[in-house]
Amino acid sequence: MGNIAWTWLGIRAAGITSWGLLTAVVLWGILLRTRILGHAASPTRLLDLHRWLGAVALGFLALHMVLLLFDAYLPFTISQILIPGLSSWETLPVALGVTAFWLLIPVSIVGRLRPRMKNAGASLFQRTHWLAYAAWPFATMHYILAGTDALESWSLALLIAGGALLVLGLLARGFIPSPGPTRAAGSVVVRSSANSNK
C-alpha cells in the first residue's frame, strides 16, 4: 500500500465518488417527477438537494480530472483531458469520460442562468436536462472500461445497485403520476388568477 501513489488513489476515489453522485443526481431527478417522495419535504427543498448533489458531483469530477494531470505513472495533458480521442491510453474509454463531462456542463450553466431567462430559460433547461441524462451511460462505460477496480466484486455490486435503482426509478416515473395542479372540490382544476381573468 505504501508504494501506491497518492494521486492514483485520489483519481480512483474521486472518479468512483463522482459516478455515485451522478447516479444519485439522475435518480433524484427522476423521483422528483413523481409523487413517490410524497411530503418528505417541500418541492423547493427537494429541488435544492438535486442541485446540490449535481454541484458536488461536478466538483468530484473536476478533482478526478485535475489529479490526472499530476499522476506520476500516467500523466495526462490538459488537451487529453478536455478533448475526446486525444488520450494515447485507453483512447475510447477516456473519450467516453470526457464526453460525459461535456454533457454535464450545459445543464449546469443553464440551471444557474435560468432565473434570468424567464420562460425561454425553462424551455432551454428542459432540453439541456436530456444531455445530463445521456451523461450517465457515457460515465458508466468510462468507469467499466477504464476503471482499474471496475471488475472487483464491490465495484460490480455498486454498478449493479446503481443501475437497478435507476431502472426502478424509471418504472416509478412510468407508473406513478407526476404532481398535477391543485384540485378543488368536484375535481375542478384550480386555475391561476391570471388565467381566470382572460
N, C-alpha and C. Protein backbone atom coordinates (compact mmCIF):
# COMPACT_ATOMS: atom_id res chain seq x y z
N MET A 1 0.83 -1.21 0.00
CA MET A 1 0.00 0.00 0.00
C MET A 1 0.86 1.26 0.00
N GLY A 2 2.06 1.17 0.67
CA GLY A 2 2.91 2.33 0.76
C GLY A 2 3.51 2.73 -0.57
N ASN A 3 3.57 1.81 -1.52
CA ASN A 3 4.16 2.10 -2.82
C ASN A 3 3.16 2.69 -3.82
N ILE A 4 1.90 2.73 -3.44
CA ILE A 4 0.87 3.25 -4.34
C ILE A 4 0.86 4.77 -4.27
N ALA A 5 0.94 5.42 -5.42
CA ALA A 5 0.97 6.89 -5.47
C ALA A 5 -0.35 7.46 -4.96
N TRP A 6 -0.25 8.52 -4.18
CA TRP A 6 -1.45 9.16 -3.63
C TRP A 6 -2.34 9.70 -4.75
N THR A 7 -1.73 10.13 -5.86
CA THR A 7 -2.54 10.64 -6.96
C THR A 7 -3.43 9.55 -7.55
N TRP A 8 -2.88 8.33 -7.66
CA TRP A 8 -3.66 7.23 -8.22
C TRP A 8 -4.84 6.90 -7.31
N LEU A 9 -4.59 6.89 -6.00
CA LEU A 9 -5.68 6.65 -5.06
C LEU A 9 -6.74 7.75 -5.17
N GLY A 10 -6.26 9.01 -5.29
CA GLY A 10 -7.19 10.13 -5.39
C GLY A 10 -7.99 10.09 -6.68
N ILE A 11 -7.34 9.73 -7.78
CA ILE A 11 -8.03 9.63 -9.07
C ILE A 11 -9.14 8.59 -9.00
N ARG A 12 -8.82 7.42 -8.45
CA ARG A 12 -9.82 6.35 -8.33
C ARG A 12 -10.97 6.76 -7.41
N ALA A 13 -10.61 7.31 -6.24
CA ALA A 13 -11.64 7.68 -5.27
C ALA A 13 -12.55 8.78 -5.81
N ALA A 14 -11.95 9.80 -6.43
CA ALA A 14 -12.75 10.91 -6.96
C ALA A 14 -13.63 10.44 -8.12
N GLY A 15 -13.09 9.55 -8.96
CA GLY A 15 -13.87 9.05 -10.10
C GLY A 15 -15.07 8.23 -9.65
N ILE A 16 -14.84 7.32 -8.72
CA ILE A 16 -15.94 6.47 -8.23
C ILE A 16 -16.98 7.31 -7.49
N THR A 17 -16.50 8.27 -6.70
CA THR A 17 -17.43 9.14 -5.96
C THR A 17 -18.26 9.98 -6.91
N SER A 18 -17.63 10.53 -7.96
CA SER A 18 -18.39 11.35 -8.91
C SER A 18 -19.43 10.50 -9.65
N TRP A 19 -19.07 9.24 -9.97
CA TRP A 19 -20.06 8.37 -10.63
C TRP A 19 -21.23 8.08 -9.69
N GLY A 20 -20.94 7.79 -8.42
CA GLY A 20 -22.01 7.54 -7.47
C GLY A 20 -22.91 8.74 -7.29
N LEU A 21 -22.31 9.94 -7.23
CA LEU A 21 -23.11 11.15 -7.08
C LEU A 21 -23.92 11.44 -8.33
N LEU A 22 -23.35 11.19 -9.51
CA LEU A 22 -24.10 11.37 -10.75
C LEU A 22 -25.30 10.44 -10.79
N THR A 23 -25.10 9.20 -10.34
CA THR A 23 -26.22 8.26 -10.27
C THR A 23 -27.30 8.78 -9.34
N ALA A 24 -26.88 9.33 -8.19
CA ALA A 24 -27.85 9.88 -7.23
C ALA A 24 -28.58 11.09 -7.82
N VAL A 25 -27.86 11.93 -8.57
CA VAL A 25 -28.48 13.11 -9.19
C VAL A 25 -29.55 12.68 -10.19
N VAL A 26 -29.21 11.71 -11.05
CA VAL A 26 -30.17 11.25 -12.05
C VAL A 26 -31.38 10.60 -11.38
N LEU A 27 -31.12 9.76 -10.38
CA LEU A 27 -32.22 9.10 -9.66
C LEU A 27 -33.11 10.12 -8.97
N TRP A 28 -32.51 11.08 -8.31
CA TRP A 28 -33.28 12.11 -7.61
C TRP A 28 -34.12 12.92 -8.60
N GLY A 29 -33.54 13.23 -9.75
CA GLY A 29 -34.28 13.97 -10.77
C GLY A 29 -35.48 13.19 -11.28
N ILE A 30 -35.30 11.87 -11.45
CA ILE A 30 -36.41 11.03 -11.90
C ILE A 30 -37.51 11.01 -10.85
N LEU A 31 -37.13 10.84 -9.58
CA LEU A 31 -38.11 10.74 -8.50
C LEU A 31 -38.83 12.07 -8.25
N LEU A 32 -38.16 13.18 -8.56
CA LEU A 32 -38.80 14.49 -8.39
C LEU A 32 -40.01 14.64 -9.32
N ARG A 33 -40.02 13.87 -10.42
CA ARG A 33 -41.12 13.95 -11.38
C ARG A 33 -42.29 13.05 -11.01
N THR A 34 -42.21 12.40 -9.86
CA THR A 34 -43.29 11.53 -9.42
C THR A 34 -43.77 11.98 -8.04
N ARG A 35 -44.79 11.27 -7.53
CA ARG A 35 -45.26 11.54 -6.17
C ARG A 35 -44.65 10.59 -5.16
N ILE A 36 -43.66 9.83 -5.58
CA ILE A 36 -43.12 8.79 -4.71
C ILE A 36 -42.47 9.36 -3.45
N LEU A 37 -41.97 10.60 -3.54
CA LEU A 37 -41.34 11.20 -2.37
C LEU A 37 -42.37 11.80 -1.41
N GLY A 38 -43.62 11.85 -1.87
CA GLY A 38 -44.69 12.32 -1.00
C GLY A 38 -44.42 13.72 -0.46
N HIS A 39 -44.64 13.86 0.85
CA HIS A 39 -44.45 15.16 1.50
C HIS A 39 -43.19 15.13 2.37
N ALA A 40 -42.17 14.43 1.90
CA ALA A 40 -40.92 14.34 2.66
C ALA A 40 -40.32 15.72 2.92
N ALA A 41 -40.51 16.60 1.97
CA ALA A 41 -40.03 17.98 2.09
C ALA A 41 -40.73 18.81 1.03
N SER A 42 -40.59 20.12 1.13
CA SER A 42 -41.22 20.98 0.14
C SER A 42 -40.54 20.78 -1.21
N PRO A 43 -41.27 21.01 -2.32
CA PRO A 43 -40.65 20.87 -3.65
C PRO A 43 -39.38 21.70 -3.81
N THR A 44 -39.36 22.89 -3.18
CA THR A 44 -38.17 23.74 -3.28
C THR A 44 -36.97 23.08 -2.62
N ARG A 45 -37.19 22.47 -1.44
CA ARG A 45 -36.08 21.81 -0.74
C ARG A 45 -35.59 20.59 -1.52
N LEU A 46 -36.52 19.84 -2.09
CA LEU A 46 -36.15 18.67 -2.88
C LEU A 46 -35.34 19.08 -4.11
N LEU A 47 -35.76 20.17 -4.75
CA LEU A 47 -35.03 20.66 -5.92
C LEU A 47 -33.65 21.19 -5.52
N ASP A 48 -33.58 21.86 -4.36
CA ASP A 48 -32.29 22.36 -3.88
C ASP A 48 -31.32 21.20 -3.64
N LEU A 49 -31.81 20.09 -3.09
CA LEU A 49 -30.95 18.93 -2.87
C LEU A 49 -30.47 18.35 -4.19
N HIS A 50 -31.35 18.30 -5.17
CA HIS A 50 -30.98 17.83 -6.51
C HIS A 50 -29.85 18.68 -7.09
N ARG A 51 -29.97 19.99 -6.97
CA ARG A 51 -28.95 20.90 -7.48
C ARG A 51 -27.65 20.75 -6.69
N TRP A 52 -27.76 20.60 -5.37
CA TRP A 52 -26.57 20.46 -4.54
C TRP A 52 -25.82 19.19 -4.90
N LEU A 53 -26.54 18.08 -5.09
CA LEU A 53 -25.89 16.83 -5.49
C LEU A 53 -25.18 16.99 -6.83
N GLY A 54 -25.82 17.70 -7.75
CA GLY A 54 -25.20 17.93 -9.06
C GLY A 54 -23.92 18.73 -8.95
N ALA A 55 -23.92 19.76 -8.10
CA ALA A 55 -22.73 20.59 -7.92
C ALA A 55 -21.60 19.78 -7.29
N VAL A 56 -21.92 18.96 -6.30
CA VAL A 56 -20.89 18.14 -5.64
C VAL A 56 -20.34 17.10 -6.61
N ALA A 57 -21.23 16.51 -7.43
CA ALA A 57 -20.78 15.54 -8.43
C ALA A 57 -19.79 16.17 -9.41
N LEU A 58 -20.09 17.39 -9.87
CA LEU A 58 -19.17 18.09 -10.77
C LEU A 58 -17.86 18.42 -10.07
N GLY A 59 -17.94 18.73 -8.78
CA GLY A 59 -16.73 19.02 -8.02
C GLY A 59 -15.80 17.83 -7.95
N PHE A 60 -16.35 16.65 -7.66
CA PHE A 60 -15.52 15.45 -7.61
C PHE A 60 -15.01 15.06 -8.99
N LEU A 61 -15.83 15.32 -10.02
CA LEU A 61 -15.38 15.05 -11.38
C LEU A 61 -14.21 15.95 -11.75
N ALA A 62 -14.30 17.23 -11.36
CA ALA A 62 -13.19 18.15 -11.62
C ALA A 62 -11.93 17.70 -10.89
N LEU A 63 -12.08 17.24 -9.64
CA LEU A 63 -10.94 16.74 -8.89
C LEU A 63 -10.32 15.52 -9.58
N HIS A 64 -11.17 14.62 -10.06
CA HIS A 64 -10.72 13.43 -10.80
C HIS A 64 -9.87 13.84 -12.01
N MET A 65 -10.32 14.85 -12.73
CA MET A 65 -9.63 15.28 -13.95
C MET A 65 -8.33 16.02 -13.62
N VAL A 66 -8.36 16.87 -12.60
CA VAL A 66 -7.16 17.63 -12.23
C VAL A 66 -6.07 16.70 -11.73
N LEU A 67 -6.42 15.69 -10.93
CA LEU A 67 -5.42 14.77 -10.41
C LEU A 67 -4.73 13.98 -11.53
N LEU A 68 -5.44 13.77 -12.64
CA LEU A 68 -4.82 13.08 -13.77
C LEU A 68 -3.62 13.86 -14.33
N LEU A 69 -3.61 15.17 -14.14
CA LEU A 69 -2.51 15.99 -14.62
C LEU A 69 -1.24 15.76 -13.81
N PHE A 70 -1.39 15.28 -12.57
CA PHE A 70 -0.25 15.16 -11.66
C PHE A 70 0.15 13.71 -11.40
N ASP A 71 -0.49 12.77 -12.07
CA ASP A 71 -0.16 11.37 -11.84
C ASP A 71 1.23 11.07 -12.41
N ALA A 72 2.08 10.51 -11.56
CA ALA A 72 3.46 10.24 -11.98
C ALA A 72 3.54 9.07 -12.95
N TYR A 73 2.65 8.10 -12.81
CA TYR A 73 2.71 6.90 -13.63
C TYR A 73 2.20 7.15 -15.04
N LEU A 74 1.07 7.85 -15.16
CA LEU A 74 0.45 8.07 -16.47
C LEU A 74 -0.12 9.49 -16.53
N PRO A 75 0.75 10.48 -16.65
CA PRO A 75 0.25 11.86 -16.66
C PRO A 75 -0.50 12.19 -17.94
N PHE A 76 -1.56 12.95 -17.79
CA PHE A 76 -2.34 13.41 -18.92
C PHE A 76 -2.03 14.89 -19.17
N THR A 77 -2.27 15.34 -20.38
CA THR A 77 -2.19 16.77 -20.69
C THR A 77 -3.59 17.36 -20.60
N ILE A 78 -3.65 18.67 -20.54
CA ILE A 78 -4.96 19.34 -20.46
C ILE A 78 -5.80 19.02 -21.69
N SER A 79 -5.19 19.01 -22.87
CA SER A 79 -5.94 18.71 -24.08
C SER A 79 -6.47 17.28 -24.07
N GLN A 80 -5.71 16.33 -23.54
CA GLN A 80 -6.16 14.94 -23.46
C GLN A 80 -7.35 14.80 -22.51
N ILE A 81 -7.41 15.65 -21.50
CA ILE A 81 -8.49 15.60 -20.51
C ILE A 81 -9.75 16.27 -21.04
N LEU A 82 -9.58 17.26 -21.90
CA LEU A 82 -10.73 18.06 -22.35
C LEU A 82 -11.23 17.73 -23.75
N ILE A 83 -10.42 17.04 -24.56
CA ILE A 83 -10.83 16.75 -25.94
C ILE A 83 -10.92 15.24 -26.14
N PRO A 84 -12.11 14.72 -26.45
CA PRO A 84 -12.27 13.27 -26.64
C PRO A 84 -11.39 12.74 -27.77
N GLY A 85 -10.74 11.60 -27.54
CA GLY A 85 -9.97 10.93 -28.58
C GLY A 85 -8.50 11.26 -28.61
N LEU A 86 -8.02 12.18 -27.77
CA LEU A 86 -6.60 12.56 -27.79
C LEU A 86 -5.74 11.72 -26.85
N SER A 87 -6.37 11.01 -25.95
CA SER A 87 -5.59 10.21 -25.00
C SER A 87 -4.95 9.02 -25.71
N SER A 88 -3.67 8.81 -25.45
CA SER A 88 -2.98 7.65 -26.02
C SER A 88 -3.25 6.38 -25.20
N TRP A 89 -3.69 6.55 -23.95
CA TRP A 89 -4.01 5.42 -23.08
C TRP A 89 -5.53 5.21 -23.09
N GLU A 90 -5.96 4.00 -23.42
CA GLU A 90 -7.40 3.66 -23.40
C GLU A 90 -8.21 4.76 -24.08
N THR A 91 -7.93 4.98 -25.34
CA THR A 91 -8.49 6.13 -26.06
C THR A 91 -10.02 6.20 -26.00
N LEU A 92 -10.69 5.09 -26.30
CA LEU A 92 -12.16 5.10 -26.30
C LEU A 92 -12.74 5.28 -24.89
N PRO A 93 -12.29 4.51 -23.90
CA PRO A 93 -12.84 4.71 -22.54
C PRO A 93 -12.64 6.13 -22.02
N VAL A 94 -11.45 6.70 -22.27
CA VAL A 94 -11.20 8.06 -21.81
C VAL A 94 -12.09 9.05 -22.57
N ALA A 95 -12.27 8.82 -23.87
CA ALA A 95 -13.14 9.69 -24.67
C ALA A 95 -14.58 9.66 -24.15
N LEU A 96 -15.03 8.49 -23.70
CA LEU A 96 -16.38 8.39 -23.13
C LEU A 96 -16.50 9.23 -21.86
N GLY A 97 -15.45 9.20 -21.03
CA GLY A 97 -15.47 10.00 -19.82
C GLY A 97 -15.45 11.49 -20.11
N VAL A 98 -14.64 11.91 -21.08
CA VAL A 98 -14.58 13.32 -21.46
C VAL A 98 -15.92 13.77 -22.02
N THR A 99 -16.55 12.92 -22.82
CA THR A 99 -17.87 13.24 -23.38
C THR A 99 -18.90 13.40 -22.28
N ALA A 100 -18.86 12.53 -21.29
CA ALA A 100 -19.79 12.65 -20.15
C ALA A 100 -19.61 13.99 -19.44
N PHE A 101 -18.37 14.41 -19.28
CA PHE A 101 -18.09 15.70 -18.65
C PHE A 101 -18.75 16.84 -19.43
N TRP A 102 -18.54 16.84 -20.76
CA TRP A 102 -19.10 17.94 -21.57
C TRP A 102 -20.62 17.89 -21.63
N LEU A 103 -21.21 16.72 -21.50
CA LEU A 103 -22.67 16.62 -21.48
C LEU A 103 -23.26 17.23 -20.22
N LEU A 104 -22.49 17.26 -19.14
CA LEU A 104 -22.98 17.81 -17.87
C LEU A 104 -22.86 19.33 -17.80
N ILE A 105 -21.99 19.91 -18.60
CA ILE A 105 -21.74 21.34 -18.50
C ILE A 105 -22.95 22.21 -18.89
N PRO A 106 -23.64 21.94 -20.02
CA PRO A 106 -24.74 22.82 -20.39
C PRO A 106 -25.85 22.92 -19.34
N VAL A 107 -26.24 21.79 -18.75
CA VAL A 107 -27.33 21.85 -17.77
C VAL A 107 -26.88 22.61 -16.53
N SER A 108 -25.61 22.53 -16.20
CA SER A 108 -25.10 23.27 -15.04
C SER A 108 -25.13 24.77 -15.29
N ILE A 109 -24.70 25.18 -16.49
CA ILE A 109 -24.68 26.61 -16.82
C ILE A 109 -26.10 27.16 -16.96
N VAL A 110 -26.93 26.46 -17.72
CA VAL A 110 -28.31 26.93 -17.94
C VAL A 110 -29.08 26.94 -16.63
N GLY A 111 -28.82 25.97 -15.75
CA GLY A 111 -29.50 25.95 -14.46
C GLY A 111 -29.24 27.19 -13.63
N ARG A 112 -28.03 27.74 -13.72
CA ARG A 112 -27.71 28.95 -12.97
C ARG A 112 -28.22 30.22 -13.66
N LEU A 113 -28.35 30.17 -14.99
CA LEU A 113 -28.85 31.33 -15.72
C LEU A 113 -30.38 31.33 -15.86
N ARG A 114 -31.00 30.20 -15.55
CA ARG A 114 -32.43 30.03 -15.79
C ARG A 114 -33.31 31.13 -15.19
N PRO A 115 -33.08 31.55 -13.92
CA PRO A 115 -33.96 32.59 -13.36
C PRO A 115 -33.95 33.88 -14.15
N ARG A 116 -32.85 34.20 -14.83
CA ARG A 116 -32.77 35.45 -15.59
C ARG A 116 -33.37 35.32 -16.98
N MET A 117 -33.60 34.08 -17.42
CA MET A 117 -34.07 33.85 -18.78
C MET A 117 -35.59 33.67 -18.87
N LYS A 118 -36.26 33.62 -17.74
CA LYS A 118 -37.72 33.51 -17.66
C LYS A 118 -38.25 32.30 -18.43
N ASN A 119 -39.25 32.47 -19.29
CA ASN A 119 -39.88 31.35 -19.99
C ASN A 119 -38.92 30.64 -20.93
N ALA A 120 -38.08 31.39 -21.62
CA ALA A 120 -37.11 30.78 -22.53
C ALA A 120 -36.13 29.92 -21.75
N GLY A 121 -35.79 30.34 -20.54
CA GLY A 121 -34.88 29.57 -19.70
C GLY A 121 -35.45 28.23 -19.30
N ALA A 122 -36.76 28.19 -19.01
CA ALA A 122 -37.38 26.93 -18.62
C ALA A 122 -37.36 25.92 -19.76
N SER A 123 -37.65 26.39 -20.98
CA SER A 123 -37.64 25.50 -22.15
C SER A 123 -36.23 25.00 -22.45
N LEU A 124 -35.25 25.90 -22.39
CA LEU A 124 -33.86 25.52 -22.65
C LEU A 124 -33.35 24.56 -21.58
N PHE A 125 -33.77 24.80 -20.34
CA PHE A 125 -33.34 23.95 -19.23
C PHE A 125 -33.86 22.52 -19.41
N GLN A 126 -35.09 22.38 -19.87
CA GLN A 126 -35.64 21.04 -20.11
C GLN A 126 -34.86 20.30 -21.19
N ARG A 127 -34.48 21.01 -22.24
CA ARG A 127 -33.73 20.37 -23.32
C ARG A 127 -32.33 19.97 -22.87
N THR A 128 -31.65 20.84 -22.11
CA THR A 128 -30.30 20.51 -21.65
C THR A 128 -30.32 19.38 -20.62
N HIS A 129 -31.45 19.19 -19.95
CA HIS A 129 -31.56 18.09 -18.98
C HIS A 129 -31.38 16.74 -19.66
N TRP A 130 -31.83 16.62 -20.91
CA TRP A 130 -31.66 15.36 -21.62
C TRP A 130 -30.18 15.05 -21.82
N LEU A 131 -29.36 16.09 -21.97
CA LEU A 131 -27.92 15.86 -22.07
C LEU A 131 -27.36 15.29 -20.78
N ALA A 132 -27.88 15.77 -19.65
CA ALA A 132 -27.42 15.25 -18.36
C ALA A 132 -27.80 13.78 -18.21
N TYR A 133 -29.00 13.42 -18.66
CA TYR A 133 -29.40 12.00 -18.63
C TYR A 133 -28.44 11.17 -19.49
N ALA A 134 -28.06 11.70 -20.65
CA ALA A 134 -27.17 10.97 -21.55
C ALA A 134 -25.78 10.81 -20.96
N ALA A 135 -25.39 11.71 -20.06
CA ALA A 135 -24.06 11.63 -19.46
C ALA A 135 -23.88 10.36 -18.64
N TRP A 136 -24.96 9.86 -18.03
CA TRP A 136 -24.83 8.70 -17.13
C TRP A 136 -24.32 7.45 -17.86
N PRO A 137 -24.90 7.03 -19.00
CA PRO A 137 -24.34 5.85 -19.67
C PRO A 137 -22.91 6.05 -20.16
N PHE A 138 -22.56 7.27 -20.60
CA PHE A 138 -21.18 7.53 -21.00
C PHE A 138 -20.24 7.39 -19.81
N ALA A 139 -20.63 7.98 -18.68
CA ALA A 139 -19.80 7.89 -17.47
C ALA A 139 -19.69 6.46 -16.99
N THR A 140 -20.77 5.70 -17.09
CA THR A 140 -20.76 4.31 -16.64
C THR A 140 -19.84 3.46 -17.51
N MET A 141 -19.89 3.66 -18.81
CA MET A 141 -19.00 2.91 -19.70
C MET A 141 -17.53 3.30 -19.46
N HIS A 142 -17.30 4.57 -19.18
CA HIS A 142 -15.94 5.01 -18.84
C HIS A 142 -15.45 4.29 -17.58
N TYR A 143 -16.32 4.24 -16.57
CA TYR A 143 -15.99 3.58 -15.31
C TYR A 143 -15.67 2.10 -15.54
N ILE A 144 -16.49 1.43 -16.32
CA ILE A 144 -16.32 -0.01 -16.55
C ILE A 144 -15.06 -0.30 -17.37
N LEU A 145 -14.83 0.48 -18.42
CA LEU A 145 -13.73 0.20 -19.36
C LEU A 145 -12.38 0.75 -18.92
N ALA A 146 -12.38 1.87 -18.18
CA ALA A 146 -11.12 2.49 -17.78
C ALA A 146 -10.79 2.30 -16.31
N GLY A 147 -11.79 2.00 -15.50
CA GLY A 147 -11.57 1.88 -14.07
C GLY A 147 -10.75 0.64 -13.72
N THR A 148 -9.67 0.83 -12.98
CA THR A 148 -8.82 -0.31 -12.62
C THR A 148 -9.50 -1.23 -11.62
N ASP A 149 -10.51 -0.72 -10.93
CA ASP A 149 -11.23 -1.54 -9.94
C ASP A 149 -12.60 -1.98 -10.44
N ALA A 150 -12.90 -1.73 -11.69
CA ALA A 150 -14.26 -1.92 -12.18
C ALA A 150 -14.78 -3.34 -12.03
N LEU A 151 -13.91 -4.33 -12.14
CA LEU A 151 -14.35 -5.72 -12.10
C LEU A 151 -14.20 -6.35 -10.71
N GLU A 152 -13.82 -5.55 -9.71
CA GLU A 152 -13.79 -6.05 -8.34
C GLU A 152 -15.23 -6.28 -7.88
N SER A 153 -15.40 -7.21 -6.95
CA SER A 153 -16.76 -7.58 -6.52
C SER A 153 -17.52 -6.40 -5.93
N TRP A 154 -16.85 -5.56 -5.13
CA TRP A 154 -17.54 -4.41 -4.55
C TRP A 154 -17.94 -3.40 -5.62
N SER A 155 -17.08 -3.27 -6.65
CA SER A 155 -17.37 -2.34 -7.73
C SER A 155 -18.54 -2.83 -8.59
N LEU A 156 -18.53 -4.12 -8.89
CA LEU A 156 -19.65 -4.69 -9.65
C LEU A 156 -20.96 -4.55 -8.88
N ALA A 157 -20.89 -4.75 -7.55
CA ALA A 157 -22.09 -4.58 -6.73
C ALA A 157 -22.59 -3.14 -6.80
N LEU A 158 -21.66 -2.19 -6.77
CA LEU A 158 -22.02 -0.77 -6.86
C LEU A 158 -22.66 -0.45 -8.21
N LEU A 159 -22.08 -0.96 -9.28
CA LEU A 159 -22.62 -0.73 -10.62
C LEU A 159 -24.01 -1.33 -10.77
N ILE A 160 -24.17 -2.56 -10.29
CA ILE A 160 -25.46 -3.24 -10.41
C ILE A 160 -26.52 -2.51 -9.57
N ALA A 161 -26.14 -2.12 -8.34
CA ALA A 161 -27.09 -1.42 -7.48
C ALA A 161 -27.50 -0.08 -8.08
N GLY A 162 -26.52 0.67 -8.61
CA GLY A 162 -26.85 1.96 -9.22
C GLY A 162 -27.74 1.81 -10.43
N GLY A 163 -27.42 0.86 -11.30
CA GLY A 163 -28.26 0.62 -12.48
C GLY A 163 -29.65 0.16 -12.11
N ALA A 164 -29.75 -0.72 -11.10
CA ALA A 164 -31.06 -1.23 -10.68
C ALA A 164 -31.92 -0.11 -10.10
N LEU A 165 -31.30 0.77 -9.33
CA LEU A 165 -32.06 1.89 -8.75
C LEU A 165 -32.61 2.81 -9.83
N LEU A 166 -31.81 3.05 -10.87
CA LEU A 166 -32.29 3.90 -11.97
C LEU A 166 -33.43 3.23 -12.73
N VAL A 167 -33.33 1.92 -12.94
CA VAL A 167 -34.42 1.20 -13.61
C VAL A 167 -35.69 1.29 -12.77
N LEU A 168 -35.57 1.08 -11.46
CA LEU A 168 -36.74 1.18 -10.58
C LEU A 168 -37.29 2.60 -10.58
N GLY A 169 -36.40 3.59 -10.61
CA GLY A 169 -36.86 4.98 -10.67
C GLY A 169 -37.62 5.28 -11.95
N LEU A 170 -37.13 4.76 -13.07
CA LEU A 170 -37.82 4.95 -14.35
C LEU A 170 -39.18 4.25 -14.35
N LEU A 171 -39.24 3.06 -13.75
CA LEU A 171 -40.52 2.36 -13.63
C LEU A 171 -41.48 3.16 -12.77
N ALA A 172 -40.97 3.72 -11.68
CA ALA A 172 -41.82 4.54 -10.81
C ALA A 172 -42.34 5.76 -11.57
N ARG A 173 -41.47 6.35 -12.38
CA ARG A 173 -41.90 7.52 -13.15
C ARG A 173 -42.97 7.13 -14.17
N GLY A 174 -42.88 5.91 -14.70
CA GLY A 174 -43.86 5.47 -15.68
C GLY A 174 -45.20 5.12 -15.08
N PHE A 175 -45.20 4.64 -13.83
CA PHE A 175 -46.44 4.16 -13.23
C PHE A 175 -47.02 5.07 -12.15
N ILE A 176 -46.19 5.94 -11.57
CA ILE A 176 -46.67 6.85 -10.54
C ILE A 176 -46.83 8.22 -11.17
N PRO A 177 -48.03 8.80 -11.12
CA PRO A 177 -48.25 10.08 -11.81
C PRO A 177 -47.42 11.20 -11.20
N SER A 178 -47.05 12.14 -12.05
CA SER A 178 -46.32 13.32 -11.55
C SER A 178 -47.30 14.24 -10.86
N PRO A 179 -46.80 15.08 -9.94
CA PRO A 179 -47.69 16.00 -9.24
C PRO A 179 -48.42 16.91 -10.23
N GLY A 180 -49.76 16.92 -10.14
CA GLY A 180 -50.56 17.74 -11.05
C GLY A 180 -50.99 19.02 -10.38
N PRO A 181 -51.82 19.80 -11.05
CA PRO A 181 -52.32 21.04 -10.45
C PRO A 181 -53.24 20.74 -9.28
N THR A 182 -53.31 21.70 -8.38
CA THR A 182 -54.18 21.55 -7.21
C THR A 182 -55.63 21.46 -7.65
N ARG A 183 -56.38 20.53 -7.05
CA ARG A 183 -57.78 20.35 -7.43
C ARG A 183 -58.70 20.76 -6.28
N ALA A 184 -59.75 21.42 -6.64
CA ALA A 184 -60.75 21.82 -5.65
C ALA A 184 -61.84 20.77 -5.60
N ALA A 185 -62.86 21.00 -4.78
CA ALA A 185 -63.97 20.04 -4.67
C ALA A 185 -64.64 19.86 -6.02
N GLY A 186 -65.06 18.63 -6.30
CA GLY A 186 -65.71 18.34 -7.56
C GLY A 186 -64.73 18.13 -8.69
N SER A 187 -63.43 17.93 -8.34
CA SER A 187 -62.38 17.65 -9.34
C SER A 187 -62.25 18.74 -10.37
N VAL A 188 -62.53 19.99 -9.98
CA VAL A 188 -62.34 21.11 -10.88
C VAL A 188 -60.94 21.66 -10.66
N VAL A 189 -60.18 21.77 -11.72
CA VAL A 189 -58.81 22.25 -11.60
C VAL A 189 -58.82 23.72 -11.21
N VAL A 190 -58.09 24.05 -10.16
CA VAL A 190 -57.97 25.43 -9.75
C VAL A 190 -56.98 26.14 -10.64
N ARG A 191 -57.40 27.17 -11.32
CA ARG A 191 -56.56 27.89 -12.25
C ARG A 191 -56.01 29.14 -11.59
N SER A 192 -54.90 29.61 -12.12
CA SER A 192 -54.29 30.82 -11.55
C SER A 192 -55.19 32.03 -11.84
N SER A 193 -55.02 33.06 -11.03
CA SER A 193 -55.83 34.27 -11.21
C SER A 193 -55.57 34.90 -12.56
N ALA A 194 -54.33 34.71 -13.06
CA ALA A 194 -54.00 35.29 -14.37
C ALA A 194 -54.83 34.65 -15.47
N ASN A 195 -55.04 33.34 -15.37
CA ASN A 195 -55.84 32.65 -16.38
C ASN A 195 -57.31 32.98 -16.23
N SER A 196 -57.80 33.15 -14.99
CA SER A 196 -59.23 33.37 -14.79
C SER A 196 -59.67 34.75 -15.28
N ASN A 197 -58.70 35.64 -15.43
CA ASN A 197 -59.05 36.98 -15.90
C ASN A 197 -59.11 37.08 -17.41
N LYS A 198 -58.74 35.99 -18.09
CA LYS A 198 -58.74 36.03 -19.57
C LYS A 198 -60.15 35.92 -20.11
